Amino acid sequence: MKLRFSGRSSYSLSAPKVRARVLFSPVFLCLLLLSSLEAQRNISGEVEIRQALERLDTLGSVMMIGAHPDDENTALLAYFSRGLHMRTAYLSLTRGEGGQNLIGSEQGDELGVIRTQELLAARKIDGGEQFFTRAIDFGFSKTAAETFTKWPREKVLGDVVWNIRRFRPDVIVLRFSGTPRDGHGQHQVSAILGKEAFSAAADPSKFPEQLQWVQPWQAKRLMWNTFAFTAEQQKEEAAIKDKLAVDLGEYSPELGYSYSEIAGMSRSQHRSQGMGAAESKGSTKNYLVTIAGDRATKNVFEGIDTSWSRVAGGADVAPIVEKARDSFTGRKAETLLPLLVEARAKAAALKDPLAVRKLREIDETIGLLSGLWLDAAADKYAATPGTPV
């Protein structure tokens, strides 16, 4: 029996039809955390199916870059993932080993494990995927220069480039500006390296050793998600020209919450840092500024084709996926299976990496509509990669 795991820390679907069980060792879990992670979804039923069908019809992607767990803008991640149905990721340069711990005595690596799990719990709610680099949080630093004395610049830059090349985002969003206004030196460095990686990821002469697994990738747009915590920063933000406004307080009838409310749930998962946030209602304006690439004036994905037409041969898949999406009434979801099986056959014939990614999502949606649930059990508690269990 072979089971394919898609990188999630856990995986379950409704209505058990098939059962098995897997026991993971701590060593296995640590190895798993080295790859990209998607948390188990926290929505279910009709809403989960609608979200899955909407996502099948959308081929856009966005990656946010910050320094630590809890740096991410969870409302913006929820807007991209749950609202626009884009493939969404947060790249945290560290696992937060140097932070505080308000819920226990763990410090250092043990705290990093806790904060990694807090990130996964947050992504479970806002719908994103989670990535990391090898950078270690060594505590507060006052300047970027100080941070670079602790972090090997080229190695960490290479990790950022690696994550961009394998995720292939259309848009990269920096959480910080890369200037002293960011405060923490590690915050500054996350933006400095993000700016460098935007171009380096597309240059085959940069980190060529990666190219046996991934290809160079040029994101279409690099943006900075501005922030203003002080009166002075508010004045600076107001003076920025050509910034794009996004109202994250917009209510989603499908989800039953605004993206700001979802952010409150998501951010409150960072318990070790005391980052609990209210599920606020009402208009909540956020601003993004284009740093590189074509300047966006209307929306974040302006000028970027996020439909199946961006894939050679995708025109054969698009109407089938669209029909499945529009045919769902909330009842008898299994009647959509023939359409998705047909879409799968056509998508499987396409070689574009985007089509390969969507094929995986089609498989997961077929499992969802089928009520398929898998739970596996291994015959030993620990194993190394590549060995049978």
Protein backbone atom coordinates (compact mmCIF):
# COMPACT_ATOMS: atom_id res chain seq x y z
CA MET A 1 0.00 0.00 0.00
CA LYS A 2 1.36 3.42 -0.95
CA LEU A 3 0.08 6.71 0.46
CA ARG A 4 1.13 10.09 -0.92
CA PHE A 5 1.47 12.86 1.62
CA SER A 6 1.36 16.38 0.25
CA GLY A 7 3.47 18.15 2.87
CA ARG A 8 0.70 18.84 5.32
CA SER A 9 1.34 18.23 8.98
CA SER A 10 -2.00 16.46 9.10
CA TYR A 11 -4.65 15.60 6.56
CA SER A 12 -8.25 14.65 6.94
CA LEU A 13 -11.45 14.84 4.96
CA SER A 14 -15.06 14.21 5.80
CA ALA A 15 -17.08 10.97 5.96
CA PRO A 16 -14.59 8.10 6.42
CA LYS A 17 -14.57 5.63 3.54
CA VAL A 18 -11.03 4.25 3.82
CA ARG A 19 -9.02 3.99 7.03
CA ALA A 20 -5.41 3.48 7.90
CA ARG A 21 -3.18 5.07 10.48
CA VAL A 22 0.33 6.58 10.62
CA LEU A 23 2.36 7.24 13.75
CA PHE A 24 5.01 9.93 13.32
CA SER A 25 8.21 10.01 15.36
CA PRO A 26 9.68 13.32 16.59
CA VAL A 27 12.59 12.79 14.16
CA PHE A 28 10.20 12.34 11.25
CA LEU A 29 8.27 15.46 12.23
CA CYS A 30 11.46 17.52 12.38
CA LEU A 31 12.42 16.32 8.89
CA LEU A 32 8.94 17.14 7.66
CA LEU A 33 9.26 20.72 8.94
CA LEU A 34 12.24 21.31 6.65
CA SER A 35 9.89 21.32 3.66
CA SER A 36 7.01 23.68 2.92
CA LEU A 37 4.07 23.11 5.21
CA GLU A 38 0.35 23.52 4.78
CA ALA A 39 -1.75 23.25 7.89
CA GLN A 40 -4.91 21.19 7.96
CA ARG A 41 -7.85 23.33 6.96
CA ASN A 42 -10.26 24.51 9.67
CA ILE A 43 -13.29 24.95 7.42
CA SER A 44 -15.54 22.11 6.38
CA GLY A 45 -18.70 21.12 4.57
CA GLU A 46 -20.19 23.33 1.87
CA VAL A 47 -17.78 26.22 2.50
CA GLU A 48 -14.73 23.98 2.16
CA ILE A 49 -16.04 22.58 -1.11
CA ARG A 50 -16.80 26.03 -2.51
CA GLN A 51 -13.35 27.27 -1.56
CA ALA A 52 -11.71 24.25 -3.17
CA LEU A 53 -13.65 24.70 -6.42
CA GLU A 54 -12.86 28.42 -6.55
CA ARG A 55 -9.19 27.67 -6.00
CA LEU A 56 -9.14 25.19 -8.91
CA ASP A 57 -10.15 28.02 -11.22
CA THR A 58 -7.41 30.40 -9.99
CA LEU A 59 -3.72 30.07 -10.90
CA GLY A 60 -2.26 33.13 -9.17
CA SER A 61 0.18 33.02 -6.24
CA VAL A 62 1.66 35.36 -3.67
CA MET A 63 4.44 35.04 -1.06
CA MET A 64 4.87 37.27 1.99
CA ILE A 65 8.34 37.57 3.56
CA GLY A 66 9.09 38.46 7.17
CA ALA A 67 11.71 37.70 9.80
CA HIS A 68 9.84 35.83 12.55
CA PRO A 69 6.72 33.92 13.44
CA ASP A 70 4.07 36.59 14.21
CA ASP A 71 5.57 39.12 11.75
CA GLU A 72 3.07 38.12 9.07
CA ASN A 73 -0.02 40.16 8.24
CA THR A 74 -2.61 37.45 8.83
CA ALA A 75 -5.48 39.58 7.50
CA LEU A 76 -3.70 40.08 4.19
CA LEU A 77 -2.86 36.37 3.98
CA ALA A 78 -6.53 35.52 4.60
CA TYR A 79 -7.57 38.04 1.93
CA PHE A 80 -5.25 36.49 -0.64
CA SER A 81 -6.03 32.86 0.22
CA ARG A 82 -9.64 32.81 1.43
CA GLY A 83 -10.85 35.85 -0.50
CA LEU A 84 -9.00 35.83 -3.84
CA HIS A 85 -8.35 32.05 -3.73
CA MET A 86 -4.70 32.55 -4.66
CA ARG A 87 -2.02 30.11 -3.59
CA THR A 88 -0.57 31.98 -0.61
CA ALA A 89 2.57 31.53 1.48
CA TYR A 90 4.43 33.14 4.34
CA LEU A 91 8.23 32.85 4.39
CA SER A 92 9.58 33.36 7.90
CA LEU A 93 13.36 33.67 7.87
CA THR A 94 13.52 32.21 11.39
CA ARG A 95 11.50 29.95 13.65
CA GLY A 96 11.54 32.48 16.48
CA GLU A 97 14.10 30.77 18.70
CA GLY A 98 15.13 34.06 20.31
CA GLY A 99 11.69 35.28 21.31
CA GLN A 100 9.91 35.38 24.63
CA ASN A 101 7.81 32.54 26.01
CA LEU A 102 4.71 33.45 27.99
CA ILE A 103 3.31 29.92 28.16
CA GLY A 104 6.24 27.86 29.41
CA SER A 105 9.93 27.62 30.24
CA GLU A 106 11.14 26.46 26.83
CA GLN A 107 13.83 28.58 25.17
CA GLY A 108 16.09 28.30 22.12
CA ASP A 109 15.40 25.35 19.83
CA GLU A 110 12.47 24.14 21.93
CA LEU A 111 10.84 27.56 21.64
CA GLY A 112 11.47 27.42 17.90
CA VAL A 113 9.47 24.18 17.73
CA ILE A 114 6.61 25.79 19.67
CA ARG A 115 6.55 28.86 17.46
CA THR A 116 6.68 26.72 14.34
CA GLN A 117 3.53 24.98 15.52
CA GLU A 118 1.95 28.35 16.29
CA LEU A 119 2.64 29.39 12.71
CA LEU A 120 1.00 26.21 11.42
CA ALA A 121 -2.03 26.83 13.63
CA ALA A 122 -2.27 30.34 12.18
CA ARG A 123 -1.98 29.07 8.61
CA LYS A 124 -4.73 26.54 9.36
CA ILE A 125 -7.03 29.51 9.85
CA ASP A 126 -5.89 31.99 7.19
CA GLY A 127 -5.30 29.32 4.53
CA GLY A 128 -1.64 29.89 3.66
CA GLU A 129 1.41 27.66 3.37
CA GLN A 130 4.50 28.04 5.54
CA PHE A 131 8.18 28.26 4.54
CA PHE A 132 11.44 28.89 6.43
CA THR A 133 15.14 29.58 5.92
CA ARG A 134 18.10 28.41 8.02
CA ALA A 135 18.44 31.80 9.79
CA ILE A 136 18.32 31.56 13.59
CA ASP A 137 16.55 34.14 15.74
CA PHE A 138 19.25 35.24 18.18
CA GLY A 139 17.17 37.87 19.96
CA PHE A 140 16.76 41.57 19.40
CA SER A 141 19.27 43.38 17.19
CA LYS A 142 19.37 47.13 16.65
CA THR A 143 20.69 47.26 13.10
CA ALA A 144 20.82 45.27 9.89
CA ALA A 145 24.62 45.36 10.08
CA GLU A 146 24.52 43.64 13.45
CA THR A 147 22.17 40.96 12.11
CA PHE A 148 24.50 40.25 9.20
CA THR A 149 27.31 39.54 11.67
CA LYS A 150 25.19 36.64 12.96
CA TRP A 151 23.59 35.48 9.73
CA PRO A 152 25.70 34.26 6.76
CA ARG A 153 24.31 36.66 4.17
CA GLU A 154 24.81 34.53 1.06
CA LYS A 155 23.44 31.38 2.66
CA VAL A 156 20.28 33.06 3.93
CA LEU A 157 19.84 34.88 0.61
CA GLY A 158 20.22 31.52 -1.12
CA ASP A 159 17.45 30.11 1.08
CA VAL A 160 15.12 32.98 0.16
CA VAL A 161 15.93 32.47 -3.52
CA TRP A 162 15.32 28.72 -3.15
CA ASN A 163 11.89 29.29 -1.64
CA ILE A 164 10.93 31.76 -4.36
CA ARG A 165 12.09 29.39 -7.10
CA ARG A 166 10.17 26.43 -5.76
CA PHE A 167 7.01 28.35 -4.85
CA ARG A 168 7.07 30.56 -7.98
CA PRO A 169 5.00 33.50 -6.69
CA ASP A 170 3.50 36.02 -9.09
CA VAL A 171 3.72 38.67 -6.38
CA ILE A 172 6.13 38.99 -3.46
CA VAL A 173 5.03 41.10 -0.50
CA LEU A 174 7.60 42.37 2.00
CA ARG A 175 6.38 42.86 5.55
CA PHE A 176 9.12 45.40 6.27
CA SER A 177 10.81 48.24 4.42
CA GLY A 178 14.48 47.29 4.89
CA THR A 179 15.20 50.62 6.61
CA PRO A 180 15.75 51.70 10.25
CA ARG A 181 12.00 52.46 10.56
CA ASP A 182 11.54 48.67 10.88
CA GLY A 183 13.28 48.75 14.28
CA HIS A 184 14.55 45.21 14.80
CA GLY A 185 17.64 44.51 12.66
CA GLN A 186 16.27 41.11 11.67
CA HIS A 187 13.13 42.84 10.37
CA GLN A 188 15.30 45.08 8.22
CA VAL A 189 17.30 42.18 6.86
CA SER A 190 14.17 40.23 5.86
CA ALA A 191 13.27 43.08 3.49
CA ILE A 192 16.84 43.69 2.31
CA LEU A 193 17.21 40.03 1.33
CA GLY A 194 13.69 39.94 -0.10
CA LYS A 195 14.58 42.80 -2.46
CA GLU A 196 17.81 41.09 -3.52
CA ALA A 197 16.08 37.73 -3.99
CA PHE A 198 13.41 39.25 -6.26
CA SER A 199 16.07 39.66 -8.96
CA ALA A 200 18.47 36.89 -7.91
CA ALA A 201 15.79 34.20 -8.21
CA ALA A 202 15.52 34.96 -11.93
CA ASP A 203 19.29 34.94 -12.55
CA PRO A 204 20.61 31.46 -13.47
CA SER A 205 24.12 32.54 -12.47
CA LYS A 206 22.92 32.99 -8.88
CA PHE A 207 22.94 29.82 -6.79
CA PRO A 208 23.23 27.54 -9.86
CA GLU A 209 23.44 24.46 -7.63
CA GLN A 210 19.70 24.83 -7.06
CA LEU A 211 18.88 24.44 -10.74
CA GLN A 212 19.00 20.65 -10.68
CA TRP A 213 15.73 20.81 -8.74
CA VAL A 214 14.16 24.17 -9.61
CA GLN A 215 14.24 26.71 -12.42
CA PRO A 216 14.93 30.46 -12.28
CA TRP A 217 11.80 32.44 -11.50
CA GLN A 218 10.97 36.10 -11.95
CA ALA A 219 8.03 37.28 -9.91
CA LYS A 220 5.96 39.90 -11.70
CA ARG A 221 5.82 42.37 -8.83
CA LEU A 222 7.55 43.17 -5.53
CA MET A 223 5.47 45.12 -3.00
CA TRP A 224 5.83 46.47 0.52
CA ASN A 225 2.90 46.15 2.91
CA THR A 226 3.27 49.42 4.81
CA PHE A 227 2.69 49.71 8.54
CA ALA A 228 2.22 52.66 10.89
CA PHE A 229 2.36 52.08 14.64
CA THR A 230 3.27 55.63 15.67
CA ALA A 231 2.02 59.12 14.80
CA GLU A 232 5.25 59.79 12.93
CA GLN A 233 4.90 56.60 10.90
CA GLN A 234 1.29 57.50 10.10
CA LYS A 235 2.48 60.81 8.64
CA GLU A 236 5.14 59.00 6.62
CA GLU A 237 2.58 56.53 5.33
CA ALA A 238 0.13 59.27 4.37
CA ALA A 239 2.88 60.98 2.36
CA ILE A 240 3.64 57.87 0.28
CA LYS A 241 2.44 58.33 -3.28
CA ASP A 242 1.00 55.64 -5.53
CA LYS A 243 0.09 53.30 -2.69
CA LEU A 244 -2.60 50.70 -3.28
CA ALA A 245 -5.37 50.43 -0.70
CA VAL A 246 -6.93 47.10 0.29
CA ASP A 247 -9.85 47.00 2.72
CA LEU A 248 -9.26 43.92 4.87
CA GLY A 249 -12.43 44.65 6.83
CA GLU A 250 -14.48 43.48 3.86
CA TYR A 251 -17.06 40.90 4.92
CA SER A 252 -17.13 37.51 3.18
CA PRO A 253 -20.67 36.06 3.11
CA GLU A 254 -19.19 32.68 2.16
CA LEU A 255 -16.92 32.52 5.20
CA GLY A 256 -19.16 34.46 7.58
CA TYR A 257 -16.30 36.74 8.66
CA SER A 258 -14.29 39.68 7.47
CA TYR A 259 -10.61 39.11 6.76
CA SER A 260 -9.78 41.20 9.83
CA GLU A 261 -11.88 38.87 11.96
CA ILE A 262 -10.11 35.86 10.48
CA ALA A 263 -6.83 37.63 11.25
CA GLY A 264 -7.85 37.92 14.90
CA MET A 265 -8.35 34.17 15.09
CA SER A 266 -5.13 33.47 13.20
CA ARG A 267 -2.87 35.92 15.05
CA SER A 268 -4.16 34.73 18.42
CA GLN A 269 -2.44 31.41 17.75
CA HIS A 270 0.91 33.09 18.57
CA ARG A 271 0.31 32.42 22.25
CA SER A 272 3.91 32.19 23.38
CA GLN A 273 4.36 35.80 22.26
CA GLY A 274 1.15 37.15 23.77
CA MET A 275 -0.07 38.19 20.31
CA GLY A 276 -3.78 37.71 20.89
CA ALA A 277 -5.79 40.04 18.67
CA ALA A 278 -9.43 41.09 18.58
CA GLU A 279 -11.68 39.88 15.78
CA SER A 280 -12.35 43.43 14.66
CA LYS A 281 -15.24 44.45 12.40
CA GLY A 282 -15.52 47.40 10.06
CA SER A 283 -13.29 48.96 7.44
CA THR A 284 -9.59 48.21 7.89
CA LYS A 285 -7.43 49.81 5.21
CA ASN A 286 -4.03 48.34 4.40
CA TYR A 287 -1.63 49.79 1.88
CA LEU A 288 0.84 48.23 -0.52
CA VAL A 289 3.53 50.01 -2.49
CA THR A 290 5.13 48.59 -5.64
CA ILE A 291 8.91 48.46 -5.22
CA ALA A 292 9.86 46.57 -8.37
CA GLY A 293 8.09 45.23 -11.43
CA ASP A 294 5.02 46.77 -13.02
CA ARG A 295 3.34 49.25 -10.68
CA ALA A 296 -0.10 48.17 -9.50
CA THR A 297 -2.73 50.92 -9.39
CA LYS A 298 -6.00 48.98 -9.10
CA ASN A 299 -5.29 45.64 -7.42
CA VAL A 300 -2.36 43.49 -6.35
CA PHE A 301 -2.68 41.12 -9.33
CA GLU A 302 -3.27 43.82 -11.92
CA GLY A 303 -1.93 42.79 -15.32
CA ILE A 304 -1.21 39.22 -14.17
CA ASP A 305 -3.10 36.39 -15.84
CA THR A 306 -4.40 34.20 -13.02
CA SER A 307 -6.60 32.01 -15.24
CA TRP A 308 -5.95 28.68 -16.95
CA SER A 309 -5.14 30.57 -20.16
CA ARG A 310 -1.64 31.26 -18.80
CA VAL A 311 -0.88 27.54 -19.25
CA ALA A 312 -0.37 26.04 -22.71
CA GLY A 313 -3.35 23.75 -23.22
CA GLY A 314 -5.12 25.20 -20.20
CA ALA A 315 -8.03 26.34 -22.34
CA ASP A 316 -9.16 22.70 -22.43
CA VAL A 317 -9.31 22.51 -18.64
CA ALA A 318 -10.80 25.91 -17.82
CA PRO A 319 -14.42 25.36 -18.98
CA ILE A 320 -14.66 22.03 -17.17
CA VAL A 321 -13.42 23.47 -13.87
CA GLU A 322 -15.67 26.49 -14.32
CA LYS A 323 -18.68 24.28 -14.93
CA ALA A 324 -17.95 22.25 -11.80
CA ARG A 325 -17.62 25.45 -9.77
CA ASP A 326 -20.86 26.96 -11.10
CA SER A 327 -22.81 23.70 -10.82
CA PHE A 328 -22.27 23.27 -7.09
CA THR A 329 -25.50 23.99 -5.24
CA GLY A 330 -24.48 22.87 -1.78
CA ARG A 331 -26.06 19.45 -2.20
CA LYS A 332 -24.92 16.16 -3.72
CA ALA A 333 -21.34 17.26 -4.24
CA GLU A 334 -20.49 13.80 -5.55
CA THR A 335 -22.35 14.62 -8.79
CA LEU A 336 -19.42 16.90 -9.70
CA LEU A 337 -16.95 14.00 -9.70
CA PRO A 338 -17.28 13.17 -13.43
CA LEU A 339 -16.40 16.77 -14.29
CA LEU A 340 -13.34 16.81 -12.05
CA VAL A 341 -12.20 13.42 -13.34
CA GLU A 342 -12.44 14.82 -16.88
CA ALA A 343 -10.53 17.97 -15.83
CA ARG A 344 -7.91 15.79 -14.18
CA ALA A 345 -7.31 13.78 -17.34
CA LYS A 346 -6.75 16.95 -19.36
CA ALA A 347 -4.59 18.61 -16.69
CA ALA A 348 -2.43 15.47 -16.39
CA ALA A 349 -1.45 15.83 -20.05
CA LEU A 350 0.01 19.31 -19.46
CA LYS A 351 3.67 19.68 -18.51
CA ASP A 352 3.63 23.21 -17.11
CA PRO A 353 4.58 23.33 -13.39
CA LEU A 354 1.39 25.29 -12.69
CA ALA A 355 -0.68 22.50 -14.22
CA VAL A 356 1.21 19.95 -12.12
CA ARG A 357 0.36 21.95 -9.01
CA LYS A 358 -3.31 22.25 -9.98
CA LEU A 359 -3.39 18.50 -10.66
CA ARG A 360 -2.57 17.94 -7.01
CA GLU A 361 -5.37 20.31 -6.00
CA ILE A 362 -7.79 18.53 -8.34
CA ASP A 363 -6.87 15.23 -6.66
CA GLU A 364 -7.51 16.72 -3.22
CA THR A 365 -10.85 18.15 -4.35
CA ILE A 366 -11.87 14.77 -5.77
CA GLY A 367 -11.03 13.24 -2.40
CA LEU A 368 -13.06 15.94 -0.68
CA LEU A 369 -16.13 15.41 -2.87
CA SER A 370 -15.80 11.64 -2.42
CA GLY A 371 -15.79 11.86 1.36
CA LEU A 372 -12.42 10.11 1.35
CA TRP A 373 -10.52 9.90 4.64
CA LEU A 374 -7.15 8.22 5.13
CA ASP A 375 -5.49 7.39 8.42
CA ALA A 376 -2.37 5.19 8.21
CA ALA A 377 -0.45 3.10 10.79
CA ALA A 378 3.25 2.28 10.49
CA ASP A 379 4.84 -0.93 11.81
CA LYS A 380 7.68 1.01 13.50
CA TYR A 381 7.89 4.30 15.32
CA ALA A 382 10.85 5.81 13.42
CA ALA A 383 12.19 5.70 9.87
CA THR A 384 14.66 7.55 7.69
CA PRO A 385 13.59 9.09 4.36
CA GLY A 386 13.40 6.54 1.55
CA THR A 387 12.92 3.45 3.71
CA PRO A 388 9.70 1.42 3.57
CA VAL A 389 7.25 1.29 6.48
